Amino acid sequence: MGKVIEIHDIVKNYQVGSVIVRALRSLSVDIDKNEYVAIMGPSGSGKSTLMNLIGCLDTPTSGSYLLNNVDVSKMEDNMLAEIRNKEIGFVFQTFNLLPRYTALENVTLPLIYAGVPKIEREKVAIETLEQVGLADRMTHKPNELSGGQRQRVAIARALVNKPSIILADEPTGNLDSKTSVDIMGLLDEIHRNGNTVIVVTHEEDIAKHAARIIRLLDGTISADIVNEKYVKA
């Protein structure tokens, strides 16, 4: 299958005033292509820092991070942005949609950044919105959509570039329980279709969708377990 993520001995320190905060302490983890992983941990455990590093939103103080065999740990911001757009599809708790753009326009944005021609990007964006069940909502703006529909638009936007990883940060945090079930069902389906899915969450019932659960505590991995429901009898 091959590894999509290889993190070795990552340290991340932040300077807050005169204090150095040690967010990650020599953390090492590998994630295979098409794995479904949940990253859990209490506030201050380092899970947001790890997510930012995996998502190429930040670089480590020391250690190495190989994303699809490319060392991204020492890249400059402009190179990181390019890798991010190509390799990682983000799904955020707050959806992060542009309010004046329709669902279709929101989904085409990553393709614009990637330099895909207009005719092709519209075709791909329409196909992706159909994939997440929003064929009839393409011309609607975010304020004309429910929370669940907005998150589906965000998931379509994450998928549209065919990234190596779907990285979802508390993807159901702003949704009611029924809609949360629908959205997690969609992420399950995306995983079955061959995507690597990483969910960062503090909710046990959300983490249970993943095949592997990594728990962080004080900047290190306290547990890395296979979800029992995925273990074949």
Protein backbone atom coordinates (compact mmCIF):
# COMPACT_ATOMS: atom_id res chain seq x y z
CA MET A 1 0.00 0.00 0.00
CA GLY A 2 2.81 2.45 0.85
CA LYS A 3 3.03 5.25 3.36
CA VAL A 4 1.49 8.66 2.72
CA ILE A 5 2.81 10.19 5.98
CA GLU A 6 6.12 9.49 7.70
CA ILE A 7 6.75 11.65 10.76
CA HIS A 8 9.96 11.05 12.66
CA ASP A 9 11.02 12.65 15.93
CA ILE A 10 8.95 15.81 15.44
CA VAL A 11 9.43 18.55 18.02
CA LYS A 12 7.35 21.74 17.97
CA ASN A 13 8.03 24.54 20.41
CA TYR A 14 6.24 27.88 20.64
CA GLN A 15 7.50 31.02 22.33
CA VAL A 16 4.71 32.65 24.36
CA GLY A 17 6.17 35.76 25.94
CA SER A 18 9.20 34.55 27.87
CA VAL A 19 7.87 30.98 28.14
CA ILE A 20 8.64 28.14 25.70
CA VAL A 21 5.63 25.86 25.19
CA ARG A 22 6.62 22.33 24.13
CA ALA A 23 3.60 21.37 22.01
CA LEU A 24 5.07 18.18 20.47
CA ARG A 25 7.89 16.17 22.04
CA SER A 26 9.81 13.80 19.72
CA LEU A 27 6.63 12.39 18.20
CA SER A 28 6.89 9.73 15.47
CA VAL A 29 4.03 8.25 13.45
CA ASP A 30 3.43 6.68 10.01
CA ILE A 31 0.10 6.63 8.17
CA ASP A 32 -0.49 4.37 5.17
CA LYS A 33 -2.32 5.26 1.99
CA ASN A 34 -6.07 4.67 2.36
CA GLU A 35 -5.92 4.48 6.16
CA TYR A 36 -8.75 5.95 8.22
CA VAL A 37 -7.25 7.53 11.33
CA ALA A 38 -8.69 9.52 14.22
CA ILE A 39 -6.39 11.76 16.26
CA MET A 40 -7.72 12.39 19.77
CA GLY A 41 -6.58 14.16 22.88
CA PRO A 42 -7.66 16.68 25.50
CA SER A 43 -7.12 20.41 25.07
CA GLY A 44 -3.39 21.14 25.17
CA SER A 45 -2.40 17.58 24.15
CA GLY A 46 -0.85 18.71 20.86
CA LYS A 47 -3.52 17.41 18.48
CA SER A 48 -4.13 20.81 16.81
CA THR A 49 -0.38 21.32 16.44
CA LEU A 50 -0.01 17.87 14.88
CA MET A 51 -2.92 18.58 12.53
CA ASN A 52 -1.31 21.87 11.44
CA LEU A 53 1.96 20.05 10.72
CA ILE A 54 0.26 17.20 8.82
CA GLY A 55 -1.72 19.81 6.85
CA CYS A 56 1.45 21.79 5.97
CA LEU A 57 0.05 24.84 7.76
CA ASP A 58 3.15 24.91 9.97
CA THR A 59 6.66 23.44 10.11
CA PRO A 60 8.33 21.62 13.02
CA THR A 61 11.07 22.98 15.24
CA SER A 62 13.02 19.79 14.53
CA GLY A 63 12.45 16.32 13.11
CA SER A 64 11.28 15.23 9.67
CA TYR A 65 7.93 14.93 7.90
CA LEU A 66 7.70 13.09 4.59
CA LEU A 67 4.44 13.53 2.69
CA ASN A 68 4.31 11.09 -0.23
CA ASN A 69 8.10 10.69 0.05
CA VAL A 70 8.68 14.47 -0.12
CA ASP A 71 10.32 16.11 2.93
CA VAL A 72 8.06 19.07 3.71
CA SER A 73 9.48 19.79 7.17
CA LYS A 74 11.84 22.54 6.03
CA MET A 75 9.90 24.03 3.12
CA GLU A 76 9.29 27.76 2.70
CA ASP A 77 5.70 29.06 2.95
CA ASN A 78 5.12 29.38 -0.81
CA MET A 79 6.22 25.76 -1.41
CA LEU A 80 4.07 24.57 1.51
CA ALA A 81 1.05 26.36 0.03
CA GLU A 82 1.57 24.56 -3.28
CA ILE A 83 1.89 21.15 -1.56
CA ARG A 84 -1.17 21.93 0.58
CA ASN A 85 -3.37 22.72 -2.39
CA LYS A 86 -2.25 19.60 -4.27
CA GLU A 87 -2.00 16.99 -1.52
CA ILE A 88 -4.44 17.94 1.27
CA GLY A 89 -8.19 18.49 1.34
CA PHE A 90 -9.28 20.33 4.48
CA VAL A 91 -12.66 20.02 6.19
CA PHE A 92 -13.13 22.48 9.06
CA GLN A 93 -15.63 22.66 11.91
CA THR A 94 -16.73 26.13 10.75
CA PHE A 95 -16.98 25.13 7.05
CA ASN A 96 -14.84 28.14 5.91
CA LEU A 97 -16.96 28.80 2.82
CA LEU A 98 -16.93 32.17 1.05
CA PRO A 99 -20.38 33.68 1.73
CA ARG A 100 -20.78 35.53 -1.59
CA TYR A 101 -19.91 32.48 -3.68
CA THR A 102 -22.32 29.72 -4.71
CA ALA A 103 -21.66 26.12 -3.70
CA LEU A 104 -20.23 25.48 -7.18
CA GLU A 105 -17.94 28.53 -7.02
CA ASN A 106 -16.68 27.52 -3.57
CA VAL A 107 -15.82 24.04 -4.82
CA THR A 108 -14.00 25.32 -7.93
CA LEU A 109 -11.60 27.51 -5.89
CA PRO A 110 -8.84 24.89 -5.33
CA LEU A 111 -8.94 24.13 -9.07
CA ILE A 112 -8.44 27.82 -9.88
CA TYR A 113 -5.35 27.87 -7.61
CA ALA A 114 -4.14 24.70 -9.34
CA GLY A 115 -4.44 26.35 -12.77
CA VAL A 116 -7.10 23.98 -14.14
CA PRO A 117 -8.85 25.42 -17.26
CA LYS A 118 -12.36 26.85 -16.68
CA ILE A 119 -14.36 24.26 -18.65
CA GLU A 120 -12.60 21.36 -16.96
CA ARG A 121 -12.83 22.79 -13.44
CA GLU A 122 -16.58 23.37 -13.71
CA LYS A 123 -17.09 19.80 -14.93
CA VAL A 124 -14.98 18.34 -12.07
CA ALA A 125 -16.66 20.58 -9.45
CA ILE A 126 -20.15 19.54 -10.63
CA GLU A 127 -19.17 15.84 -10.48
CA THR A 128 -17.79 16.31 -6.96
CA LEU A 129 -20.92 18.08 -5.71
CA GLU A 130 -22.98 15.23 -7.19
CA GLN A 131 -20.75 12.78 -5.31
CA VAL A 132 -21.65 14.43 -1.96
CA GLY A 133 -25.38 14.54 -2.79
CA LEU A 134 -25.72 18.24 -3.61
CA ALA A 135 -26.60 18.17 -7.32
CA ASP A 136 -29.69 20.30 -6.60
CA ARG A 137 -27.92 22.95 -4.48
CA MET A 138 -25.04 24.05 -6.74
CA THR A 139 -26.28 27.61 -7.30
CA HIS A 140 -27.13 28.23 -3.63
CA LYS A 141 -24.94 30.42 -1.43
CA PRO A 142 -23.88 29.22 2.04
CA ASN A 143 -26.59 31.24 3.87
CA GLU A 144 -29.21 29.41 1.77
CA LEU A 145 -27.94 26.01 2.92
CA SER A 146 -28.33 24.03 6.15
CA GLY A 147 -25.29 23.27 8.33
CA GLY A 148 -25.09 19.74 6.94
CA GLN A 149 -25.30 20.99 3.35
CA ARG A 150 -22.56 23.55 4.03
CA GLN A 151 -20.32 20.80 5.38
CA ARG A 152 -21.04 18.73 2.25
CA VAL A 153 -19.92 21.69 0.12
CA ALA A 154 -16.76 21.90 2.25
CA ILE A 155 -16.15 18.16 1.78
CA ALA A 156 -16.66 18.52 -2.00
CA ARG A 157 -14.13 21.38 -1.99
CA ALA A 158 -11.70 19.15 -0.06
CA LEU A 159 -12.16 16.31 -2.58
CA VAL A 160 -12.07 18.29 -5.82
CA ASN A 161 -8.29 18.25 -6.32
CA LYS A 162 -8.13 14.50 -5.65
CA PRO A 163 -5.74 15.04 -2.73
CA SER A 164 -3.61 12.41 -0.98
CA ILE A 165 -5.29 13.15 2.37
CA ILE A 166 -8.67 14.38 3.58
CA LEU A 167 -7.91 16.17 6.87
CA ALA A 168 -11.06 16.87 8.90
CA ASP A 169 -10.88 19.03 12.03
CA GLU A 170 -13.90 18.40 14.32
CA PRO A 171 -16.03 17.97 11.15
CA THR A 172 -19.30 17.61 13.09
CA GLY A 173 -18.57 20.18 15.82
CA ASN A 174 -21.25 22.62 14.58
CA LEU A 175 -23.85 20.04 13.58
CA ASP A 176 -26.77 18.34 15.35
CA SER A 177 -26.50 14.62 16.07
CA LYS A 178 -28.55 13.41 13.08
CA THR A 179 -26.59 15.58 10.63
CA SER A 180 -23.35 14.44 12.29
CA VAL A 181 -24.25 10.83 11.50
CA ASP A 182 -24.90 11.78 7.85
CA ILE A 183 -21.58 13.63 7.52
CA MET A 184 -19.58 10.80 9.13
CA GLY A 185 -21.36 8.37 6.79
CA LEU A 186 -20.13 10.49 3.89
CA LEU A 187 -16.54 10.45 5.24
CA ASP A 188 -16.81 6.65 5.65
CA GLU A 189 -17.86 6.39 2.00
CA ILE A 190 -14.99 8.66 0.90
CA HIS A 191 -12.58 6.33 2.72
CA ARG A 192 -14.13 3.27 1.06
CA ASN A 193 -13.55 4.99 -2.30
CA GLY A 194 -9.81 4.93 -1.62
CA ASN A 195 -9.01 8.21 0.15
CA THR A 196 -6.77 8.52 3.19
CA VAL A 197 -8.96 10.16 5.87
CA ILE A 198 -7.63 11.75 9.06
CA VAL A 199 -10.16 13.09 11.56
CA VAL A 200 -9.09 15.26 14.48
CA THR A 201 -11.71 15.09 17.21
CA HIS A 202 -12.34 15.03 20.94
CA GLU A 203 -15.56 13.00 20.53
CA GLU A 204 -15.34 9.24 21.06
CA ASP A 205 -18.33 8.42 18.84
CA ILE A 206 -16.74 10.31 15.93
CA ALA A 207 -13.38 8.59 16.47
CA LYS A 208 -15.08 5.19 16.37
CA HIS A 209 -15.63 5.61 12.61
CA ALA A 210 -11.86 5.35 12.09
CA ALA A 211 -9.95 2.10 11.72
CA ARG A 212 -7.12 3.41 13.89
CA ILE A 213 -7.23 5.77 16.86
CA ILE A 214 -4.14 7.75 17.93
CA ARG A 215 -4.38 9.40 21.34
CA LEU A 216 -2.12 12.29 22.30
CA LEU A 217 -1.18 13.48 25.77
CA ASP A 218 1.32 16.22 26.61
CA GLY A 219 2.74 16.30 23.10
CA THR A 220 3.41 12.59 22.75
CA ILE A 221 1.41 9.55 21.60
CA SER A 222 -0.14 7.87 24.63
CA ALA A 223 -1.97 5.18 22.61
CA ASP A 224 -2.14 3.98 18.99
CA ILE A 225 -4.79 1.32 18.64
CA VAL A 226 -6.75 -0.51 15.96
CA ASN A 227 -10.49 0.00 16.24
CA GLU A 228 -12.02 -3.34 17.28
CA LYS A 229 -14.85 -3.11 14.73
CA TYR A 230 -12.22 -3.25 11.94
CA VAL A 231 -10.53 -6.37 13.31
CA LYS A 232 -11.82 -9.33 11.33
CA ALA A 233 -12.88 -12.27 13.40
